[in-house]
Amino acid sequence: MMTCNYIKADGAKCGAMPMRGAEYCYYHNPAIPEQEKQRVRRQGGRNNALAVENALPAIEVNQPADVATLLVDTINRVRDGSLDARIGNSLGVLCGHLLKAYELANLDDRVALFERVVLKKG
């Protein structure tokens, strides 16, 4: 993997990814004026903030099968460009957490049932 060719004062190489078609990352690229770099630093990534312009319709998610429906809808929206991939990724991660919660809730129910059966027989 290629990294920025800038050498720091301590002799270490910058570990950032270089800009496409360049040997340096954005901050070490001599082709970019220092004033522009300072302006970008002051903004602190605010241009990367994601604003949702059109809210997605609410989807009831009450069981694992509903999570699958949500994931299919999300995948299709990312693929057709109507949903930013970062939002799609976030929804995917949240769906994973929700499925884990369903799994744990199901396990709790099964353990409770097992305990009732064992206590009843004992």
Protein backbone atom coordinates (compact mmCIF):
# COMPACT_ATOMS: atom_id res chain seq x y z
CA MET A 1 0.00 0.00 0.00
CA MET A 2 1.41 3.35 -1.03
CA THR A 3 1.70 6.13 1.54
CA CYS A 4 2.54 9.83 1.40
CA ASN A 5 6.22 10.44 0.56
CA TYR A 6 6.59 13.30 3.07
CA ILE A 7 9.37 12.76 5.64
CA LYS A 8 8.68 14.30 9.06
CA ALA A 9 11.23 16.18 11.15
CA ASP A 10 11.91 13.04 13.19
CA GLY A 11 12.74 11.12 9.98
CA ALA A 12 9.52 9.09 10.00
CA LYS A 13 7.44 8.87 6.86
CA CYS A 14 3.88 10.26 6.86
CA GLY A 15 1.52 7.30 6.98
CA ALA A 16 -1.44 8.95 5.22
CA MET A 17 -2.77 7.84 1.86
CA PRO A 18 -1.57 10.02 -1.02
CA MET A 19 -4.02 11.94 -3.16
CA ARG A 20 -5.08 10.17 -6.35
CA GLY A 21 -2.35 10.62 -8.94
CA ALA A 22 0.02 12.30 -6.45
CA GLU A 23 2.92 11.25 -4.24
CA TYR A 24 1.71 13.21 -1.20
CA CYS A 25 -1.36 13.37 1.01
CA TYR A 26 -3.50 16.52 0.91
CA TYR A 27 -1.65 18.26 3.74
CA HIS A 28 1.85 17.54 2.43
CA ASN A 29 1.12 18.09 -1.27
CA PRO A 30 3.28 21.05 -2.42
CA ALA A 31 0.82 21.73 -5.27
CA ILE A 32 -1.85 22.85 -2.78
CA PRO A 33 -1.38 26.39 -1.42
CA GLU A 34 -0.81 26.65 2.32
CA GLN A 35 -3.76 29.05 2.64
CA GLU A 36 -6.09 26.40 1.21
CA LYS A 37 -4.75 23.81 3.66
CA GLN A 38 -5.30 26.22 6.58
CA ARG A 39 -8.87 26.94 5.44
CA VAL A 40 -9.61 23.20 5.30
CA ARG A 41 -8.08 22.68 8.77
CA ARG A 42 -10.26 25.48 10.20
CA GLN A 43 -13.37 23.85 8.73
CA GLY A 44 -12.50 20.63 10.52
CA GLY A 45 -14.30 18.33 8.10
CA ARG A 46 -17.59 20.21 8.21
CA ASN A 47 -17.95 19.72 4.46
CA ASN A 48 -18.05 15.99 5.07
CA ALA A 49 -21.09 16.30 7.31
CA LEU A 50 -24.05 14.45 5.89
CA ALA A 51 -27.43 16.12 5.74
CA VAL A 52 -30.49 14.02 5.04
CA GLU A 53 -32.72 16.06 2.76
CA ASN A 54 -35.59 13.63 2.27
CA ALA A 55 -36.46 11.57 5.31
CA LEU A 56 -37.02 7.91 4.64
CA PRO A 57 -40.42 6.45 5.53
CA ALA A 58 -40.65 4.73 8.89
CA ILE A 59 -40.44 0.96 8.77
CA GLU A 60 -41.83 -1.16 11.60
CA VAL A 61 -39.10 -3.48 12.87
CA ASN A 62 -40.58 -5.91 15.38
CA GLN A 63 -38.94 -9.20 14.47
CA PRO A 64 -35.86 -10.49 12.64
CA ALA A 65 -37.75 -10.85 9.35
CA ASP A 66 -38.45 -7.09 9.45
CA VAL A 67 -34.70 -6.47 9.70
CA ALA A 68 -34.22 -8.43 6.48
CA THR A 69 -36.85 -6.26 4.77
CA LEU A 70 -35.10 -3.11 6.01
CA LEU A 71 -31.74 -4.37 4.78
CA VAL A 72 -33.10 -5.22 1.32
CA ASP A 73 -34.69 -1.77 1.07
CA THR A 74 -31.42 -0.13 2.20
CA ILE A 75 -29.32 -2.11 -0.26
CA ASN A 76 -31.61 -1.19 -3.14
CA ARG A 77 -31.59 2.50 -2.21
CA VAL A 78 -27.77 2.57 -1.98
CA ARG A 79 -27.52 0.77 -5.31
CA ASP A 80 -29.88 3.16 -7.10
CA GLY A 81 -28.14 6.19 -5.59
CA SER A 82 -31.13 7.49 -3.62
CA LEU A 83 -29.38 6.77 -0.28
CA ASP A 84 -25.84 7.76 0.61
CA ALA A 85 -23.64 4.72 1.17
CA ARG A 86 -22.58 6.11 4.58
CA ILE A 87 -26.20 6.09 5.76
CA GLY A 88 -26.64 2.62 4.28
CA ASN A 89 -23.56 1.46 6.17
CA SER A 90 -24.88 2.95 9.40
CA LEU A 91 -28.22 1.20 8.92
CA GLY A 92 -26.41 -2.06 8.24
CA VAL A 93 -24.43 -1.78 11.47
CA LEU A 94 -27.54 -0.88 13.46
CA CYS A 95 -29.43 -3.83 11.93
CA GLY A 96 -26.60 -6.10 13.08
CA HIS A 97 -26.97 -4.79 16.63
CA LEU A 98 -30.73 -5.22 16.47
CA LEU A 99 -30.41 -8.81 15.27
CA LYS A 100 -28.01 -9.53 18.14
CA ALA A 101 -30.55 -8.05 20.58
CA TYR A 102 -33.28 -10.29 19.12
CA GLU A 103 -30.95 -13.28 19.43
CA LEU A 104 -30.20 -12.51 23.10
CA ALA A 105 -33.88 -11.91 23.90
CA ASN A 106 -34.73 -15.25 22.29
CA LEU A 107 -32.00 -16.94 24.30
CA ASP A 108 -33.35 -15.41 27.53
CA ASP A 109 -36.82 -16.74 26.69
CA ARG A 110 -35.43 -20.23 25.99
CA VAL A 111 -33.45 -20.28 29.25
CA ALA A 112 -36.54 -19.18 31.21
CA LEU A 113 -38.58 -21.95 29.60
CA PHE A 114 -35.87 -24.49 30.36
CA GLU A 115 -35.74 -23.36 33.99
CA ARG A 116 -39.53 -23.71 34.33
CA VAL A 117 -39.42 -27.24 32.91
CA VAL A 118 -36.53 -28.27 35.19
CA LEU A 119 -38.14 -26.77 38.30
CA LYS A 120 -41.47 -28.39 37.48
CA LYS A 121 -39.86 -31.84 37.12
CA GLY A 122 -37.63 -31.34 40.14
